[in-house]
Amino acid sequence: MEVKATSKTLRIPPRKARLVLDLIRGKDAEEAAAILKFTPNVAAESIAKVLKSAVSNAVNNNDMDEEKLYVKACYANEGMTLKRFMPRAKGSASAIHKRTSHITVVVDERD
């Protein structure tokens, strides 16, 4: 039985979050937490919180064994985009898109 945790509207572009998520997909939960702890990326800290939440959900709500948990799936979907404008020459403006992401981590027990 799989258990998931989601964090929505994080101020991290999904493209950058996916780079970190690719590192932990398929790994044991403890190993994934260790990888995230030493990954020098802004997204790693937020993803570590979501992973910790998913593990806690599995242990407390579904009575799963924490030693057997692994990351079954993890993905970053695109959230809303904050649109800002930067003044440019001759009275014009250029758009700045500040992207957000919804990060989901799914954990399951190994057989």
PDB file of N, CA and C in Angstrom:
ATOM      1  N   MET A   1       0.838  -1.179   0.000  1.00  0.00           N
ATOM      2  CA  MET A   1       0.000   0.000   0.000  1.00  0.00           C
ATOM      3  C   MET A   1       0.880   1.238   0.000  1.00  0.00           C
ATOM      4  N   GLU A   2       0.676   2.085  -0.974  1.00  0.00           N
ATOM      5  CA  GLU A   2       1.519   3.272  -1.085  1.00  0.00           C
ATOM      6  C   GLU A   2       0.926   4.445  -0.320  1.00  0.00           C
ATOM      7  N   VAL A   3       1.810   5.275   0.211  1.00  0.00           N
ATOM      8  CA  VAL A   3       1.426   6.460   0.978  1.00  0.00           C
ATOM      9  C   VAL A   3       2.140   7.645   0.351  1.00  0.00           C
ATOM     10  N   LYS A   4       1.428   8.778   0.249  1.00  0.00           N
ATOM     11  CA  LYS A   4       2.066   9.925  -0.378  1.00  0.00           C
ATOM     12  C   LYS A   4       1.917  11.187   0.464  1.00  0.00           C
ATOM     13  N   ALA A   5       2.797  12.126   0.183  1.00  0.00           N
ATOM     14  CA  ALA A   5       2.747  13.446   0.805  1.00  0.00           C
ATOM     15  C   ALA A   5       2.991  14.469  -0.301  1.00  0.00           C
ATOM     16  N   THR A   6       2.295  15.594  -0.197  1.00  0.00           N
ATOM     17  CA  THR A   6       2.385  16.624  -1.224  1.00  0.00           C
ATOM     18  C   THR A   6       2.626  17.979  -0.579  1.00  0.00           C
ATOM     19  N   SER A   7       3.469  18.766  -1.216  1.00  0.00           N
ATOM     20  CA  SER A   7       3.677  20.150  -0.811  1.00  0.00           C
ATOM     21  C   SER A   7       3.361  21.019  -2.018  1.00  0.00           C
ATOM     22  N   LYS A   8       2.485  21.984  -1.816  1.00  0.00           N
ATOM     23  CA  LYS A   8       2.013  22.769  -2.957  1.00  0.00           C
ATOM     24  C   LYS A   8       2.546  24.195  -2.930  1.00  0.00           C
ATOM     25  N   THR A   9       2.671  24.752  -4.105  1.00  0.00           N
ATOM     26  CA  THR A   9       3.067  26.140  -4.346  1.00  0.00           C
ATOM     27  C   THR A   9       4.408  26.485  -3.695  1.00  0.00           C
ATOM     28  N   LEU A  10       5.396  25.637  -3.901  1.00  0.00           N
ATOM     29  CA  LEU A  10       6.755  25.930  -3.440  1.00  0.00           C
ATOM     30  C   LEU A  10       7.430  26.845  -4.448  1.00  0.00           C
ATOM     31  N   ARG A  11       8.175  27.830  -3.973  1.00  0.00           N
ATOM     32  CA  ARG A  11       8.838  28.788  -4.852  1.00  0.00           C
ATOM     33  C   ARG A  11      10.132  28.214  -5.425  1.00  0.00           C
ATOM     34  N   ILE A  12      10.003  27.062  -6.055  1.00  0.00           N
ATOM     35  CA  ILE A  12      11.116  26.416  -6.728  1.00  0.00           C
ATOM     36  C   ILE A  12      10.620  26.046  -8.124  1.00  0.00           C
ATOM     37  N   PRO A  13      11.336  26.378  -9.170  1.00  0.00           N
ATOM     38  CA  PRO A  13      10.890  25.979 -10.499  1.00  0.00           C
ATOM     39  C   PRO A  13      10.856  24.447 -10.613  1.00  0.00           C
ATOM     40  N   PRO A  14       9.827  23.886 -11.241  1.00  0.00           N
ATOM     41  CA  PRO A  14       9.728  22.433 -11.325  1.00  0.00           C
ATOM     42  C   PRO A  14      10.902  21.792 -12.059  1.00  0.00           C
ATOM     43  N   ARG A  15      11.469  22.506 -12.990  1.00  0.00           N
ATOM     44  CA  ARG A  15      12.606  21.965 -13.739  1.00  0.00           C
ATOM     45  C   ARG A  15      13.800  21.705 -12.821  1.00  0.00           C
ATOM     46  N   LYS A  16      14.032  22.617 -11.866  1.00  0.00           N
ATOM     47  CA  LYS A  16      15.137  22.444 -10.926  1.00  0.00           C
ATOM     48  C   LYS A  16      14.807  21.404  -9.867  1.00  0.00           C
ATOM     49  N   ALA A  17      13.538  21.317  -9.481  1.00  0.00           N
ATOM     50  CA  ALA A  17      13.134  20.321  -8.491  1.00  0.00           C
ATOM     51  C   ALA A  17      13.267  18.906  -9.057  1.00  0.00           C
ATOM     52  N   ARG A  18      12.974  18.743 -10.341  1.00  0.00           N
ATOM     53  CA  ARG A  18      13.064  17.412 -10.964  1.00  0.00           C
ATOM     54  C   ARG A  18      14.491  16.878 -10.972  1.00  0.00           C
ATOM     55  N   LEU A  19      15.476  17.769 -11.054  1.00  0.00           N
ATOM     56  CA  LEU A  19      16.872  17.328 -11.018  1.00  0.00           C
ATOM     57  C   LEU A  19      17.189  16.642  -9.696  1.00  0.00           C
ATOM     58  N   VAL A  20      16.658  17.155  -8.603  1.00  0.00           N
ATOM     59  CA  VAL A  20      16.901  16.568  -7.289  1.00  0.00           C
ATOM     60  C   VAL A  20      16.052  15.314  -7.101  1.00  0.00           C
ATOM     61  N   LEU A  21      14.811  15.338  -7.580  1.00  0.00           N
ATOM     62  CA  LEU A  21      13.929  14.180  -7.431  1.00  0.00           C
ATOM     63  C   LEU A  21      14.471  12.952  -8.168  1.00  0.00           C
ATOM     64  N   ASP A  22      15.162  13.172  -9.275  1.00  0.00           N
ATOM     65  CA  ASP A  22      15.749  12.057 -10.012  1.00  0.00           C
ATOM     66  C   ASP A  22      16.815  11.329  -9.194  1.00  0.00           C
ATOM     67  N   LEU A  23      17.435  12.033  -8.240  1.00  0.00           N
ATOM     68  CA  LEU A  23      18.483  11.418  -7.416  1.00  0.00           C
ATOM     69  C   LEU A  23      17.923  10.410  -6.414  1.00  0.00           C
ATOM     70  N   ILE A  24      16.671  10.615  -5.951  1.00  0.00           N
ATOM     71  CA  ILE A  24      16.148   9.773  -4.867  1.00  0.00           C
ATOM     72  C   ILE A  24      15.119   8.746  -5.331  1.00  0.00           C
ATOM     73  N   ARG A  25      14.669   8.821  -6.563  1.00  0.00           N
ATOM     74  CA  ARG A  25      13.638   7.898  -7.043  1.00  0.00           C
ATOM     75  C   ARG A  25      14.136   6.451  -6.991  1.00  0.00           C
ATOM     76  N   GLY A  26      13.375   5.574  -6.294  1.00  0.00           N
ATOM     77  CA  GLY A  26      13.718   4.154  -6.195  1.00  0.00           C
ATOM     78  C   GLY A  26      14.627   3.798  -5.037  1.00  0.00           C
ATOM     79  N   LYS A  27      15.122   4.778  -4.310  1.00  0.00           N
ATOM     80  CA  LYS A  27      16.042   4.522  -3.191  1.00  0.00           C
ATOM     81  C   LYS A  27      15.273   4.241  -1.900  1.00  0.00           C
ATOM     82  N   ASP A  28      15.956   3.619  -0.921  1.00  0.00           N
ATOM     83  CA  ASP A  28      15.373   3.450   0.405  1.00  0.00           C
ATOM     84  C   ASP A  28      15.156   4.825   1.028  1.00  0.00           C
ATOM     85  N   ALA A  29      14.196   4.908   1.951  1.00  0.00           N
ATOM     86  CA  ALA A  29      13.840   6.194   2.544  1.00  0.00           C
ATOM     87  C   ALA A  29      15.012   6.811   3.306  1.00  0.00           C
ATOM     88  N   GLU A  30      15.745   5.992   4.056  1.00  0.00           N
ATOM     89  CA  GLU A  30      16.897   6.509   4.814  1.00  0.00           C
ATOM     90  C   GLU A  30      17.999   7.001   3.883  1.00  0.00           C
ATOM     91  N   GLU A  31      18.264   6.237   2.828  1.00  0.00           N
ATOM     92  CA  GLU A  31      19.298   6.616   1.869  1.00  0.00           C
ATOM     93  C   GLU A  31      18.901   7.896   1.126  1.00  0.00           C
ATOM     94  N   ALA A  32      17.622   8.003   0.781  1.00  0.00           N
ATOM     95  CA  ALA A  32      17.130   9.201   0.098  1.00  0.00           C
ATOM     96  C   ALA A  32      17.267  10.434   0.994  1.00  0.00           C
ATOM     97  N   ALA A  33      16.971  10.273   2.292  1.00  0.00           N
ATOM     98  CA  ALA A  33      17.118  11.395   3.231  1.00  0.00           C
ATOM     99  C   ALA A  33      18.581  11.822   3.336  1.00  0.00           C
ATOM    100  N   ALA A  34      19.503  10.854   3.329  1.00  0.00           N
ATOM    101  CA  ALA A  34      20.926  11.171   3.398  1.00  0.00           C
ATOM    102  C   ALA A  34      21.392  11.887   2.127  1.00  0.00           C
ATOM    103  N   ILE A  35      20.898  11.442   0.984  1.00  0.00           N
ATOM    104  CA  ILE A  35      21.263  12.092  -0.278  1.00  0.00           C
ATOM    105  C   ILE A  35      20.784  13.544  -0.285  1.00  0.00           C
ATOM    106  N   LEU A  36      19.544  13.761   0.172  1.00  0.00           N
ATOM    107  CA  LEU A  36      18.992  15.114   0.184  1.00  0.00           C
ATOM    108  C   LEU A  36      19.722  16.024   1.162  1.00  0.00           C
ATOM    109  N   LYS A  37      20.186  15.444   2.260  1.00  0.00           N
ATOM    110  CA  LYS A  37      20.879  16.240   3.273  1.00  0.00           C
ATOM    111  C   LYS A  37      22.175  16.838   2.723  1.00  0.00           C
ATOM    112  N   PHE A  38      22.854  16.099   1.851  1.00  0.00           N
ATOM    113  CA  PHE A  38      24.153  16.544   1.345  1.00  0.00           C
ATOM    114  C   PHE A  38      24.107  17.030  -0.105  1.00  0.00           C
ATOM    115  N   THR A  39      22.918  17.254  -0.631  1.00  0.00           N
ATOM    116  CA  THR A  39      22.793  17.793  -1.983  1.00  0.00           C
ATOM    117  C   THR A  39      22.795  19.316  -1.914  1.00  0.00           C
ATOM    118  N   PRO A  40      23.740  19.975  -2.573  1.00  0.00           N
ATOM    119  CA  PRO A  40      23.832  21.439  -2.499  1.00  0.00           C
ATOM    120  C   PRO A  40      22.866  22.115  -3.469  1.00  0.00           C
ATOM    121  N   ASN A  41      21.586  21.963  -3.207  1.00  0.00           N
ATOM    122  CA  ASN A  41      20.564  22.529  -4.077  1.00  0.00           C
ATOM    123  C   ASN A  41      19.458  23.116  -3.206  1.00  0.00           C
ATOM    124  N   VAL A  42      18.859  24.202  -3.641  1.00  0.00           N
ATOM    125  CA  VAL A  42      17.813  24.857  -2.858  1.00  0.00           C
ATOM    126  C   VAL A  42      16.603  23.930  -2.707  1.00  0.00           C
ATOM    127  N   ALA A  43      16.309  23.156  -3.737  1.00  0.00           N
ATOM    128  CA  ALA A  43      15.128  22.288  -3.722  1.00  0.00           C
ATOM    129  C   ALA A  43      15.284  21.113  -2.760  1.00  0.00           C
ATOM    130  N   ALA A  44      16.507  20.728  -2.427  1.00  0.00           N
ATOM    131  CA  ALA A  44      16.737  19.540  -1.608  1.00  0.00           C
ATOM    132  C   ALA A  44      16.120  19.669  -0.215  1.00  0.00           C
ATOM    133  N   GLU A  45      16.167  20.851   0.355  1.00  0.00           N
ATOM    134  CA  GLU A  45      15.630  21.058   1.699  1.00  0.00           C
ATOM    135  C   GLU A  45      14.108  20.869   1.720  1.00  0.00           C
ATOM    136  N   SER A  46      13.422  21.426   0.742  1.00  0.00           N
ATOM    137  CA  SER A  46      11.969  21.293   0.674  1.00  0.00           C
ATOM    138  C   SER A  46      11.552  19.862   0.367  1.00  0.00           C
ATOM    139  N   ILE A  47      12.287  19.201  -0.513  1.00  0.00           N
ATOM    140  CA  ILE A  47      11.972  17.816  -0.859  1.00  0.00           C
ATOM    141  C   ILE A  47      12.217  16.902   0.338  1.00  0.00           C
ATOM    142  N   ALA A  48      13.234  17.211   1.140  1.00  0.00           N
ATOM    143  CA  ALA A  48      13.497  16.423   2.349  1.00  0.00           C
ATOM    144  C   ALA A  48      12.323  16.512   3.322  1.00  0.00           C
ATOM    145  N   LYS A  49      11.718  17.693   3.433  1.00  0.00           N
ATOM    146  CA  LYS A  49      10.547  17.850   4.303  1.00  0.00           C
ATOM    147  C   LYS A  49       9.370  17.010   3.807  1.00  0.00           C
ATOM    148  N   VAL A  50       9.165  16.993   2.495  1.00  0.00           N
ATOM    149  CA  VAL A  50       8.063  16.209   1.933  1.00  0.00           C
ATOM    150  C   VAL A  50       8.318  14.717   2.130  1.00  0.00           C
ATOM    151  N   LEU A  51       9.568  14.288   1.955  1.00  0.00           N
ATOM    152  CA  LEU A  51       9.918  12.877   2.172  1.00  0.00           C
ATOM    153  C   LEU A  51       9.690  12.487   3.628  1.00  0.00           C
ATOM    154  N   LYS A  52      10.114  13.334   4.545  1.00  0.00           N
ATOM    155  CA  LYS A  52       9.917  13.069   5.974  1.00  0.00           C
ATOM    156  C   LYS A  52       8.430  12.962   6.306  1.00  0.00           C
ATOM    157  N   SER A  53       7.617  13.811   5.702  1.00  0.00           N
ATOM    158  CA  SER A  53       6.175  13.773   5.911  1.00  0.00           C
ATOM    159  C   SER A  53       5.567  12.483   5.378  1.00  0.00           C
ATOM    160  N   ALA A  54       6.010  12.041   4.203  1.00  0.00           N
ATOM    161  CA  ALA A  54       5.491  10.803   3.620  1.00  0.00           C
ATOM    162  C   ALA A  54       5.847   9.598   4.488  1.00  0.00           C
ATOM    163  N   VAL A  55       7.073   9.575   5.009  1.00  0.00           N
ATOM    164  CA  VAL A  55       7.495   8.476   5.890  1.00  0.00           C
ATOM    165  C   VAL A  55       6.680   8.500   7.178  1.00  0.00           C
ATOM    166  N   SER A  56       6.460   9.680   7.737  1.00  0.00           N
ATOM    167  CA  SER A  56       5.659   9.798   8.957  1.00  0.00           C
ATOM    168  C   SER A  56       4.222   9.359   8.719  1.00  0.00           C
ATOM    169  N   ASN A  57       3.654   9.713   7.569  1.00  0.00           N
ATOM    170  CA  ASN A  57       2.301   9.269   7.237  1.00  0.00           C
ATOM    171  C   ASN A  57       2.228   7.753   7.162  1.00  0.00           C
ATOM    172  N   ALA A  58       3.241   7.135   6.568  1.00  0.00           N
ATOM    173  CA  ALA A  58       3.243   5.683   6.419  1.00  0.00           C
ATOM    174  C   ALA A  58       3.357   4.985   7.769  1.00  0.00           C
ATOM    175  N   VAL A  59       4.208   5.501   8.636  1.00  0.00           N
ATOM    176  CA  VAL A  59       4.442   4.858   9.935  1.00  0.00           C
ATOM    177  C   VAL A  59       3.262   5.086  10.875  1.00  0.00           C
ATOM    178  N   ASN A  60       2.788   6.315  10.978  1.00  0.00           N
ATOM    179  CA  ASN A  60       1.757   6.648  11.967  1.00  0.00           C
ATOM    180  C   ASN A  60       0.342   6.299  11.522  1.00  0.00           C
ATOM    181  N   ASN A  61       0.022   6.506  10.242  1.00  0.00           N
ATOM    182  CA  ASN A  61      -1.347   6.300   9.786  1.00  0.00           C
ATOM    183  C   ASN A  61      -1.596   4.899   9.239  1.00  0.00           C
ATOM    184  N   ASN A  62      -0.562   4.249   8.698  1.00  0.00           N
ATOM    185  CA  ASN A  62      -0.750   2.963   8.041  1.00  0.00           C
ATOM    186  C   ASN A  62       0.036   1.826   8.680  1.00  0.00           C
ATOM    187  N   ASP A  63       0.685   2.075   9.804  1.00  0.00           N
ATOM    188  CA  ASP A  63       1.431   1.049  10.549  1.00  0.00           C
ATOM    189  C   ASP A  63       2.433   0.287   9.684  1.00  0.00           C
ATOM    190  N   MET A  64       3.168   1.012   8.861  1.00  0.00           N
ATOM    191  CA  MET A  64       4.217   0.390   8.037  1.00  0.00           C
ATOM    192  C   MET A  64       5.530   0.423   8.798  1.00  0.00           C
ATOM    193  N   ASP A  65       6.445  -0.486   8.417  1.00  0.00           N
ATOM    194  CA  ASP A  65       7.761  -0.563   9.040  1.00  0.00           C
ATOM    195  C   ASP A  65       8.687   0.458   8.370  1.00  0.00           C
ATOM    196  N   GLU A  66       9.263   1.341   9.166  1.00  0.00           N
ATOM    197  CA  GLU A  66      10.094   2.415   8.620  1.00  0.00           C
ATOM    198  C   GLU A  66      11.347   1.883   7.925  1.00  0.00           C
ATOM    199  N   GLU A  67      11.850   0.731   8.360  1.00  0.00           N
ATOM    200  CA  GLU A  67      13.068   0.156   7.777  1.00  0.00           C
ATOM    201  C   GLU A  67      12.839  -0.351   6.353  1.00  0.00           C
ATOM    202  N   LYS A  68      11.597  -0.726   6.021  1.00  0.00           N
ATOM    203  CA  LYS A  68      11.304  -1.310   4.714  1.00  0.00           C
ATOM    204  C   LYS A  68      10.817  -0.296   3.686  1.00  0.00           C
ATOM    205  N   LEU A  69      10.685   0.962   4.063  1.00  0.00           N
ATOM    206  CA  LEU A  69      10.129   1.964   3.156  1.00  0.00           C
ATOM    207  C   LEU A  69      11.137   2.390   2.089  1.00  0.00           C
ATOM    208  N   TYR A  70      10.620   2.613   0.889  1.00  0.00           N
ATOM    209  CA  TYR A  70      11.438   3.145  -0.201  1.00  0.00           C
ATOM    210  C   TYR A  70      10.613   4.143  -1.000  1.00  0.00           C
ATOM    211  N   VAL A  71      11.287   4.975  -1.772  1.00  0.00           N
ATOM    212  CA  VAL A  71      10.618   5.993  -2.574  1.00  0.00           C
ATOM    213  C   VAL A  71      10.128   5.334  -3.856  1.00  0.00           C
ATOM    214  N   LYS A  72       8.828   5.105  -3.917  1.00  0.00           N
ATOM    215  CA  LYS A  72       8.248   4.436  -5.082  1.00  0.00           C
ATOM    216  C   LYS A  72       8.143   5.385  -6.271  1.00  0.00           C
ATOM    217  N   ALA A  73       7.725   6.607  -6.009  1.00  0.00           N
ATOM    218  CA  ALA A  73       7.601   7.615  -7.063  1.00  0.00           C
ATOM    219  C   ALA A  73       7.778   8.995  -6.448  1.00  0.00           C
ATOM    220  N   CYS A  74       8.256   9.919  -7.247  1.00  0.00           N
ATOM    221  CA  CYS A  74       8.352  11.314  -6.823  1.00  0.00           C
ATOM    222  C   CYS A  74       8.332  12.178  -8.077  1.00  0.00           C
ATOM    223  N   TYR A  75       7.573  13.241  -8.008  1.00  0.00           N
ATOM    224  CA  TYR A  75       7.452  14.101  -9.177  1.00  0.00           C
ATOM    225  C   TYR A  75       7.133  15.524  -8.769  1.00  0.00           C
ATOM    226  N   ALA A  76       7.439  16.451  -9.669  1.00  0.00           N
ATOM    227  CA  ALA A  76       7.179  17.873  -9.451  1.00  0.00           C
ATOM    228  C   ALA A  76       6.315  18.376 -10.600  1.00  0.00           C
ATOM    229  N   ASN A  77       5.102  18.774 -10.272  1.00  0.00           N
ATOM    230  CA  ASN A  77       4.201  19.359 -11.257  1.00  0.00           C
ATOM    231  C   ASN A  77       4.278  20.875 -11.166  1.00  0.00           C
ATOM    232  N   GLU A  78       3.908  21.523 -12.250  1.00  0.00           N
ATOM    233  CA  GLU A  78       3.986  22.973 -12.280  1.00  0.00           C
ATOM    234  C   GLU A  78       2.802  23.584 -11.544  1.00  0.00           C
ATOM    235  N   GLY A  79       3.091  24.532 -10.667  1.00  0.00           N
ATOM    236  CA  GLY A  79       2.048  25.252  -9.947  1.00  0.00           C
ATOM    237  C   GLY A  79       1.764  26.569 -10.650  1.00  0.00           C
ATOM    238  N   MET A  80       1.218  27.498  -9.903  1.00  0.00           N
ATOM    239  CA  MET A  80       0.919  28.799 -10.492  1.00  0.00           C
ATOM    240  C   MET A  80       2.215  29.560 -10.766  1.00  0.00           C
ATOM    241  N   THR A  81       2.138  30.506 -11.692  1.00  0.00           N
ATOM    242  CA  THR A  81       3.293  31.323 -12.043  1.00  0.00           C
ATOM    243  C   THR A  81       3.033  32.754 -11.616  1.00  0.00           C
ATOM    244  N   LEU A  82       3.944  33.298 -10.825  1.00  0.00           N
ATOM    245  CA  LEU A  82       3.848  34.705 -10.432  1.00  0.00           C
ATOM    246  C   LEU A  82       4.422  35.547 -11.566  1.00  0.00           C
ATOM    247  N   LYS A  83       3.635  36.497 -12.048  1.00  0.00           N
ATOM    248  CA  LYS A  83       4.071  37.323 -13.176  1.00  0.00           C
ATOM    249  C   LYS A  83       4.480  38.702 -12.674  1.00  0.00           C
ATOM    250  N   ARG A  84       5.725  39.048 -12.917  1.00  0.00           N
ATOM    251  CA  ARG A  84       6.267  40.338 -12.528  1.00  0.00           C
ATOM    252  C   ARG A  84       6.848  41.015 -13.764  1.00  0.00           C
ATOM    253  N   PHE A  85       7.055  42.333 -13.672  1.00  0.00           N
ATOM    254  CA  PHE A  85       7.575  43.070 -14.824  1.00  0.00           C
ATOM    255  C   PHE A  85       8.777  43.909 -14.418  1.00  0.00           C
ATOM    256  N   MET A  86       9.759  43.951 -15.304  1.00  0.00           N
ATOM    257  CA  MET A  86      10.984  44.715 -15.107  1.00  0.00           C
ATOM    258  C   MET A  86      10.992  45.871 -16.101  1.00  0.00           C
ATOM    259  N   PRO A  87      11.168  47.099 -15.622  1.00  0.00           N
ATOM    260  CA  PRO A  87      11.211  48.235 -16.552  1.00  0.00           C
ATOM    261  C   PRO A  87      12.430  48.137 -17.490  1.00  0.00           C
ATOM    262  N   ARG A  88      12.200  48.499 -18.737  1.00  0.00           N
ATOM    263  CA  ARG A  88      13.266  48.464 -19.743  1.00  0.00           C
ATOM    264  C   ARG A  88      13.358  49.826 -20.443  1.00  0.00           C
ATOM    265  N   ALA A  89      14.180  49.886 -21.429  1.00  0.00           N
ATOM    266  CA  ALA A  89      14.427  51.148 -22.132  1.00  0.00           C
ATOM    267  C   ALA A  89      13.202  51.621 -22.907  1.00  0.00           C
ATOM    268  N   LYS A  90      13.117  52.928 -23.076  1.00  0.00           N
ATOM    269  CA  LYS A  90      12.085  53.586 -23.883  1.00  0.00           C
ATOM    270  C   LYS A  90      10.670  53.300 -23.370  1.00  0.00           C
ATOM    271  N   GLY A  91      10.508  53.179 -22.063  1.00  0.00           N
ATOM    272  CA  GLY A  91       9.181  53.027 -21.481  1.00  0.00           C
ATOM    273  C   GLY A  91       8.550  51.664 -21.630  1.00  0.00           C
ATOM    274  N   SER A  92       9.317  50.695 -22.059  1.00  0.00           N
ATOM    275  CA  SER A  92       8.756  49.348 -22.216  1.00  0.00           C
ATOM    276  C   SER A  92       9.027  48.525 -20.959  1.00  0.00           C
ATOM    277  N   ALA A  93       8.557  47.290 -20.954  1.00  0.00           N
ATOM    278  CA  ALA A  93       8.770  46.398 -19.813  1.00  0.00           C
ATOM    279  C   ALA A  93       8.911  44.976 -20.328  1.00  0.00           C
ATOM    280  N   SER A  94       9.678  44.170 -19.611  1.00  0.00           N
ATOM    281  CA  SER A  94       9.794  42.760 -19.970  1.00  0.00           C
ATOM    282  C   SER A  94       9.256  41.925 -18.809  1.00  0.00           C
ATOM    283  N   ALA A  95       8.687  40.786 -19.163  1.00  0.00           N
ATOM    284  CA  ALA A  95       8.032  39.938 -18.165  1.00  0.00           C
ATOM    285  C   ALA A  95       9.041  39.065 -17.434  1.00  0.00           C
ATOM    286  N   ILE A  96       8.800  38.851 -16.154  1.00  0.00           N
ATOM    287  CA  ILE A  96       9.568  37.900 -15.353  1.00  0.00           C
ATOM    288  C   ILE A  96       8.563  36.898 -14.814  1.00  0.00           C
ATOM    289  N   HIS A  97       8.795  35.626 -15.094  1.00  0.00           N
ATOM    290  CA  HIS A  97       7.903  34.567 -14.631  1.00  0.00           C
ATOM    291  C   HIS A  97       8.569  33.835 -13.473  1.00  0.00           C
ATOM    292  N   LYS A  98       7.992  33.951 -12.268  1.00  0.00           N
ATOM    293  CA  LYS A  98       8.505  33.258 -11.088  1.00  0.00           C
ATOM    294  C   LYS A  98       7.669  31.997 -10.913  1.00  0.00           C
ATOM    295  N   ARG A  99       8.242  30.878 -11.274  1.00  0.00           N
ATOM    296  CA  ARG A  99       7.495  29.626 -11.321  1.00  0.00           C
ATOM    297  C   ARG A  99       7.436  28.947  -9.951  1.00  0.00           C
ATOM    298  N   THR A 100       6.341  28.235  -9.702  1.00  0.00           N
ATOM    299  CA  THR A 100       6.175  27.461  -8.477  1.00  0.00           C
ATOM    300  C   THR A 100       5.926  26.013  -8.858  1.00  0.00           C
ATOM    301  N   SER A 101       6.027  25.121  -7.880  1.00  0.00           N
ATOM    302  CA  SER A 101       5.828  23.705  -8.164  1.00  0.00           C
ATOM    303  C   SER A 101       5.080  23.019  -7.035  1.00  0.00           C
ATOM    304  N   HIS A 102       4.396  21.940  -7.403  1.00  0.00           N
ATOM    305  CA  HIS A 102       3.746  21.047  -6.455  1.00  0.00           C
ATOM    306  C   HIS A 102       4.586  19.774  -6.433  1.00  0.00           C
ATOM    307  N   ILE A 103       5.172  19.450  -5.270  1.00  0.00           N
ATOM    308  CA  ILE A 103       6.058  18.285  -5.160  1.00  0.00           C
ATOM    309  C   ILE A 103       5.326  17.164  -4.441  1.00  0.00           C
ATOM    310  N   THR A 104       5.346  15.969  -5.021  1.00  0.00           N
ATOM    311  CA  THR A 104       4.698  14.796  -4.444  1.00  0.00           C
ATOM    312  C   THR A 104       5.729  13.683  -4.303  1.00  0.00           C
ATOM    313  N   VAL A 105       5.745  13.042  -3.123  1.00  0.00           N
ATOM    314  CA  VAL A 105       6.620  11.896  -2.876  1.00  0.00           C
ATOM    315  C   VAL A 105       5.743  10.732  -2.435  1.00  0.00           C
ATOM    316  N   VAL A 106       5.888   9.567  -3.098  1.00  0.00           N
ATOM    317  CA  VAL A 106       5.131   8.373  -2.772  1.00  0.00           C
ATOM    318  C   VAL A 106       6.095   7.329  -2.218  1.00  0.00           C
ATOM    319  N   VAL A 107       5.785   6.802  -1.024  1.00  0.00           N
ATOM    320  CA  VAL A 107       6.607   5.747  -0.427  1.00  0.00           C
ATOM    321  C   VAL A 107       5.780   4.471  -0.309  1.00  0.00           C
ATOM    322  N   ASP A 108       6.482   3.342  -0.287  1.00  0.00           N
ATOM    323  CA  ASP A 108       5.842   2.035  -0.177  1.00  0.00           C
ATOM    324  C   ASP A 108       6.799   1.084   0.544  1.00  0.00           C
ATOM    325  N   GLU A 109       6.274  -0.044   0.992  1.00  0.00           N
ATOM    326  CA  GLU A 109       7.103  -1.044   1.676  1.00  0.00           C
ATOM    327  C   GLU A 109       7.667  -2.029   0.661  1.00  0.00           C
ATOM    328  N   ARG A 110       8.920  -2.408   0.860  1.00  0.00           N
ATOM    329  CA  ARG A 110       9.508  -3.479   0.041  1.00  0.00           C
ATOM    330  C   ARG A 110       9.013  -4.815   0.555  1.00  0.00           C
ATOM    331  N   ASP A 111       8.868  -5.750  -0.355  1.00  0.00           N
ATOM    332  CA  ASP A 111       8.385  -7.088   0.059  1.00  0.00           C
ATOM    333  C   ASP A 111       9.433  -7.899   0.766  1.00  0.00           C
TER     334      ASP A 111
END
